[in-house]
Amino acid sequence: MAKETGRKLIAQNKKARHDYHILDTYEAGMVLTGTEVKSLRQGRASLVDGFVQLDGHEAWLYNVHVPEYSQGTWTNHSARRKRKLLLHRAEIEKLESKSQETGHTIVPLALYFKDGRAKVEIALARGKKEYDKRQTLREKQDRREADRAVSAARRRQRA
């Protein structure tokens, strides 16, 4: 069997980018059981309610839903168990000091396979206020309208 290369996205948390200002991102490995890996290889996971908590110089991923493996037996995993994240000590210490500040949290952004190994992209984030969310949506809509106008003008020029 050929060795897997590249990045294969499993799940993405788009709501996190809407609800938080992303300050810094990190890539972390995960400690998984065999049935979890098989379930992830089928492309089944959800990061919606996920969050990271630091406990005794260790990072733990909570509330990430990895459904049970369909062919699993009594060895199957529980879908929402906490999973240990593999980070360097310096990264954990930096995250620990930053997350102590008011309004800061650590959220998962993406779950993917990189060169055959399961990774999670986590971010140090600060919660957005309601008016920030509206401003972001307005900017996104304005960009989309500008792009449409430019492409329409180009089509008219060619015709």
C-alpha atoms as a PDB file:
ATOM      1  CA  MET A   1       0.000   0.000   0.000  1.00  0.00           C
ATOM      2  CA  ALA A   2       1.351   3.440  -0.953  1.00  0.00           C
ATOM      3  CA  LYS A   3       2.176   5.922   1.790  1.00  0.00           C
ATOM      4  CA  GLU A   4      -0.379   8.701   2.154  1.00  0.00           C
ATOM      5  CA  THR A   5       0.877  12.237   1.470  1.00  0.00           C
ATOM      6  CA  GLY A   6      -0.671  15.686   1.554  1.00  0.00           C
ATOM      7  CA  ARG A   7      -3.579  17.071   3.565  1.00  0.00           C
ATOM      8  CA  LYS A   8      -7.067  15.508   3.525  1.00  0.00           C
ATOM      9  CA  LEU A   9      -9.716  17.600   5.302  1.00  0.00           C
ATOM     10  CA  ILE A  10     -12.171  15.673   7.478  1.00  0.00           C
ATOM     11  CA  ALA A  11     -14.132  18.402   9.264  1.00  0.00           C
ATOM     12  CA  GLN A  12     -14.066  22.182   9.519  1.00  0.00           C
ATOM     13  CA  ASN A  13     -15.552  24.574  12.077  1.00  0.00           C
ATOM     14  CA  LYS A  14     -16.763  27.528   9.980  1.00  0.00           C
ATOM     15  CA  LYS A  15     -18.862  28.869  12.857  1.00  0.00           C
ATOM     16  CA  ALA A  16     -15.697  29.469  14.923  1.00  0.00           C
ATOM     17  CA  ARG A  17     -14.395  32.011  12.385  1.00  0.00           C
ATOM     18  CA  HIS A  18     -17.767  33.754  12.558  1.00  0.00           C
ATOM     19  CA  ASP A  19     -18.017  33.796  16.362  1.00  0.00           C
ATOM     20  CA  TYR A  20     -14.374  34.554  17.249  1.00  0.00           C
ATOM     21  CA  HIS A  21     -11.456  36.800  16.311  1.00  0.00           C
ATOM     22  CA  ILE A  22      -8.680  34.290  15.536  1.00  0.00           C
ATOM     23  CA  LEU A  23      -5.460  35.491  17.194  1.00  0.00           C
ATOM     24  CA  ASP A  24      -3.078  32.567  16.679  1.00  0.00           C
ATOM     25  CA  THR A  25      -3.296  29.036  15.225  1.00  0.00           C
ATOM     26  CA  TYR A  26      -1.505  25.812  16.131  1.00  0.00           C
ATOM     27  CA  GLU A  27      -1.361  22.331  14.638  1.00  0.00           C
ATOM     28  CA  ALA A  28      -1.674  19.504  17.151  1.00  0.00           C
ATOM     29  CA  GLY A  29      -1.637  15.741  16.938  1.00  0.00           C
ATOM     30  CA  MET A  30      -4.252  13.676  18.763  1.00  0.00           C
ATOM     31  CA  VAL A  31      -4.165  10.495  20.820  1.00  0.00           C
ATOM     32  CA  LEU A  32      -6.820   8.286  19.176  1.00  0.00           C
ATOM     33  CA  THR A  33      -8.029   4.708  19.380  1.00  0.00           C
ATOM     34  CA  GLY A  34      -8.133   2.432  16.327  1.00  0.00           C
ATOM     35  CA  THR A  35     -11.887   2.711  15.781  1.00  0.00           C
ATOM     36  CA  GLU A  36     -11.682   6.514  15.951  1.00  0.00           C
ATOM     37  CA  VAL A  37      -9.076   6.575  13.188  1.00  0.00           C
ATOM     38  CA  LYS A  38     -11.202   4.251  11.029  1.00  0.00           C
ATOM     39  CA  SER A  39     -14.266   6.436  11.600  1.00  0.00           C
ATOM     40  CA  LEU A  40     -12.254   9.581  10.691  1.00  0.00           C
ATOM     41  CA  ARG A  41     -10.959   7.889   7.526  1.00  0.00           C
ATOM     42  CA  GLN A  42     -14.607   7.560   6.476  1.00  0.00           C
ATOM     43  CA  GLY A  43     -14.771  11.373   6.775  1.00  0.00           C
ATOM     44  CA  ARG A  44     -17.168  11.497   9.692  1.00  0.00           C
ATOM     45  CA  ALA A  45     -16.649  14.050  12.480  1.00  0.00           C
ATOM     46  CA  SER A  46     -18.110  17.283  13.841  1.00  0.00           C
ATOM     47  CA  LEU A  47     -16.232  20.141  15.523  1.00  0.00           C
ATOM     48  CA  VAL A  48     -19.268  22.357  16.195  1.00  0.00           C
ATOM     49  CA  ASP A  49     -19.317  22.262  20.015  1.00  0.00           C
ATOM     50  CA  GLY A  50     -15.622  21.515  20.445  1.00  0.00           C
ATOM     51  CA  PHE A  51     -13.247  23.380  22.733  1.00  0.00           C
ATOM     52  CA  VAL A  52      -9.771  22.880  24.194  1.00  0.00           C
ATOM     53  CA  GLN A  53      -9.028  22.950  27.892  1.00  0.00           C
ATOM     54  CA  LEU A  54      -5.577  23.003  29.484  1.00  0.00           C
ATOM     55  CA  ASP A  55      -5.210  20.807  32.547  1.00  0.00           C
ATOM     56  CA  GLY A  56      -1.925  20.217  34.345  1.00  0.00           C
ATOM     57  CA  HIS A  57       0.340  21.169  31.410  1.00  0.00           C
ATOM     58  CA  GLU A  58      -1.699  18.975  29.052  1.00  0.00           C
ATOM     59  CA  ALA A  59      -4.152  20.036  26.350  1.00  0.00           C
ATOM     60  CA  TRP A  60      -7.464  18.170  26.020  1.00  0.00           C
ATOM     61  CA  LEU A  61     -10.033  18.372  23.232  1.00  0.00           C
ATOM     62  CA  TYR A  62     -13.642  18.193  24.459  1.00  0.00           C
ATOM     63  CA  ASN A  63     -17.045  17.747  22.745  1.00  0.00           C
ATOM     64  CA  VAL A  64     -15.707  16.801  19.313  1.00  0.00           C
ATOM     65  CA  HIS A  65     -18.097  14.238  17.875  1.00  0.00           C
ATOM     66  CA  VAL A  66     -16.428  11.271  16.162  1.00  0.00           C
ATOM     67  CA  PRO A  67     -19.230   8.744  15.522  1.00  0.00           C
ATOM     68  CA  GLU A  68     -18.724   5.102  16.428  1.00  0.00           C
ATOM     69  CA  TYR A  69     -17.156   2.942  13.733  1.00  0.00           C
ATOM     70  CA  SER A  70     -19.888   0.968  11.975  1.00  0.00           C
ATOM     71  CA  GLN A  71     -17.911  -2.312  11.906  1.00  0.00           C
ATOM     72  CA  GLY A  72     -16.617  -1.811  15.451  1.00  0.00           C
ATOM     73  CA  THR A  73     -17.349  -4.395  18.122  1.00  0.00           C
ATOM     74  CA  TRP A  74     -17.168  -4.092  21.901  1.00  0.00           C
ATOM     75  CA  THR A  75     -13.852  -2.234  21.384  1.00  0.00           C
ATOM     76  CA  ASN A  76     -15.669   0.776  19.913  1.00  0.00           C
ATOM     77  CA  HIS A  77     -15.021   4.251  21.370  1.00  0.00           C
ATOM     78  CA  SER A  78     -17.544   6.676  22.883  1.00  0.00           C
ATOM     79  CA  ALA A  79     -18.456   9.420  20.411  1.00  0.00           C
ATOM     80  CA  ARG A  80     -17.758  12.496  22.573  1.00  0.00           C
ATOM     81  CA  ARG A  81     -14.876  11.388  24.788  1.00  0.00           C
ATOM     82  CA  LYS A  82     -12.106  13.835  25.672  1.00  0.00           C
ATOM     83  CA  ARG A  83      -8.974  13.438  23.548  1.00  0.00           C
ATOM     84  CA  LYS A  84      -5.427  14.385  24.484  1.00  0.00           C
ATOM     85  CA  LEU A  85      -3.685  16.834  22.153  1.00  0.00           C
ATOM     86  CA  LEU A  86       0.003  16.511  21.352  1.00  0.00           C
ATOM     87  CA  LEU A  87       1.743  19.893  21.509  1.00  0.00           C
ATOM     88  CA  HIS A  88       5.224  21.072  22.441  1.00  0.00           C
ATOM     89  CA  ARG A  89       5.641  22.235  26.038  1.00  0.00           C
ATOM     90  CA  ALA A  90       6.427  25.807  24.917  1.00  0.00           C
ATOM     91  CA  GLU A  91       3.199  25.913  22.868  1.00  0.00           C
ATOM     92  CA  ILE A  92       1.147  24.668  25.823  1.00  0.00           C
ATOM     93  CA  GLU A  93       2.726  27.236  28.163  1.00  0.00           C
ATOM     94  CA  LYS A  94       2.056  30.037  25.658  1.00  0.00           C
ATOM     95  CA  LEU A  95      -1.571  28.915  25.244  1.00  0.00           C
ATOM     96  CA  GLU A  96      -1.945  28.629  29.015  1.00  0.00           C
ATOM     97  CA  SER A  97      -0.752  32.176  29.663  1.00  0.00           C
ATOM     98  CA  LYS A  98      -2.830  33.682  26.832  1.00  0.00           C
ATOM     99  CA  SER A  99      -6.020  31.773  27.670  1.00  0.00           C
ATOM    100  CA  GLN A 100      -5.907  33.135  31.247  1.00  0.00           C
ATOM    101  CA  GLU A 101      -6.690  36.607  29.839  1.00  0.00           C
ATOM    102  CA  THR A 102     -10.326  37.646  29.926  1.00  0.00           C
ATOM    103  CA  GLY A 103     -12.392  36.665  26.917  1.00  0.00           C
ATOM    104  CA  HIS A 104      -9.803  34.323  25.387  1.00  0.00           C
ATOM    105  CA  THR A 105     -10.557  30.699  24.530  1.00  0.00           C
ATOM    106  CA  ILE A 106      -9.067  27.881  22.483  1.00  0.00           C
ATOM    107  CA  VAL A 107     -11.263  26.405  19.735  1.00  0.00           C
ATOM    108  CA  PRO A 108     -10.704  23.723  17.083  1.00  0.00           C
ATOM    109  CA  LEU A 109     -10.847  25.026  13.492  1.00  0.00           C
ATOM    110  CA  ALA A 110     -10.180  21.952  11.352  1.00  0.00           C
ATOM    111  CA  LEU A 111      -9.636  18.219  11.621  1.00  0.00           C
ATOM    112  CA  TYR A 112      -7.546  16.590   8.886  1.00  0.00           C
ATOM    113  CA  PHE A 113      -5.062  13.905   7.932  1.00  0.00           C
ATOM    114  CA  LYS A 114      -1.557  15.157   7.157  1.00  0.00           C
ATOM    115  CA  ASP A 115       0.744  12.536   5.665  1.00  0.00           C
ATOM    116  CA  GLY A 116      -1.480   9.810   7.127  1.00  0.00           C
ATOM    117  CA  ARG A 117      -1.615  11.209  10.668  1.00  0.00           C
ATOM    118  CA  ALA A 118      -4.706  12.777  12.231  1.00  0.00           C
ATOM    119  CA  LYS A 119      -4.162  16.440  13.134  1.00  0.00           C
ATOM    120  CA  VAL A 120      -6.344  19.189  14.520  1.00  0.00           C
ATOM    121  CA  GLU A 121      -5.854  22.906  13.897  1.00  0.00           C
ATOM    122  CA  ILE A 122      -6.624  24.838  17.065  1.00  0.00           C
ATOM    123  CA  ALA A 123      -6.794  28.588  17.528  1.00  0.00           C
ATOM    124  CA  LEU A 124      -6.405  31.023  20.363  1.00  0.00           C
ATOM    125  CA  ALA A 125      -9.464  33.205  19.920  1.00  0.00           C
ATOM    126  CA  ARG A 126     -11.350  36.112  21.458  1.00  0.00           C
ATOM    127  CA  GLY A 127     -15.153  36.199  21.276  1.00  0.00           C
ATOM    128  CA  LYS A 128     -16.755  38.668  18.885  1.00  0.00           C
ATOM    129  CA  LYS A 129     -19.495  41.035  19.968  1.00  0.00           C
ATOM    130  CA  GLU A 130     -22.776  41.037  18.041  1.00  0.00           C
ATOM    131  CA  TYR A 131     -21.900  44.239  16.163  1.00  0.00           C
ATOM    132  CA  ASP A 132     -18.540  42.715  15.128  1.00  0.00           C
ATOM    133  CA  LYS A 133     -20.380  39.749  13.600  1.00  0.00           C
ATOM    134  CA  ARG A 134     -22.693  42.086  11.669  1.00  0.00           C
ATOM    135  CA  GLN A 135     -19.698  44.139  10.471  1.00  0.00           C
ATOM    136  CA  THR A 136     -17.926  40.980   9.251  1.00  0.00           C
ATOM    137  CA  LEU A 137     -21.022  39.838   7.355  1.00  0.00           C
ATOM    138  CA  ARG A 138     -21.408  43.310   5.805  1.00  0.00           C
ATOM    139  CA  GLU A 139     -17.758  43.333   4.638  1.00  0.00           C
ATOM    140  CA  LYS A 140     -18.132  39.843   3.180  1.00  0.00           C
ATOM    141  CA  GLN A 141     -21.282  40.892   1.303  1.00  0.00           C
ATOM    142  CA  ASP A 142     -19.618  44.082  -0.002  1.00  0.00           C
ATOM    143  CA  ARG A 143     -16.628  42.080  -1.291  1.00  0.00           C
ATOM    144  CA  ARG A 144     -18.948  39.620  -3.022  1.00  0.00           C
ATOM    145  CA  GLU A 145     -20.913  42.464  -4.703  1.00  0.00           C
ATOM    146  CA  ALA A 146     -17.690  44.167  -5.847  1.00  0.00           C
ATOM    147  CA  ASP A 147     -16.407  40.897  -7.330  1.00  0.00           C
ATOM    148  CA  ARG A 148     -19.706  40.414  -9.182  1.00  0.00           C
ATOM    149  CA  ALA A 149     -19.563  43.961 -10.574  1.00  0.00           C
ATOM    150  CA  VAL A 150     -15.965  43.485 -11.771  1.00  0.00           C
ATOM    151  CA  SER A 151     -16.740  40.155 -13.456  1.00  0.00           C
ATOM    152  CA  ALA A 152     -19.868  41.624 -15.107  1.00  0.00           C
ATOM    153  CA  ALA A 153     -17.816  44.565 -16.437  1.00  0.00           C
ATOM    154  CA  ARG A 154     -15.217  42.159 -17.851  1.00  0.00           C
ATOM    155  CA  ARG A 155     -17.945  40.122 -19.573  1.00  0.00           C
ATOM    156  CA  ARG A 156     -19.335  43.298 -21.172  1.00  0.00           C
ATOM    157  CA  GLN A 157     -15.868  44.298 -22.404  1.00  0.00           C
ATOM    158  CA  ARG A 158     -15.325  40.931 -24.109  1.00  0.00           C
ATOM    159  CA  ALA A 159     -18.702  40.990 -25.838  1.00  0.00           C
END
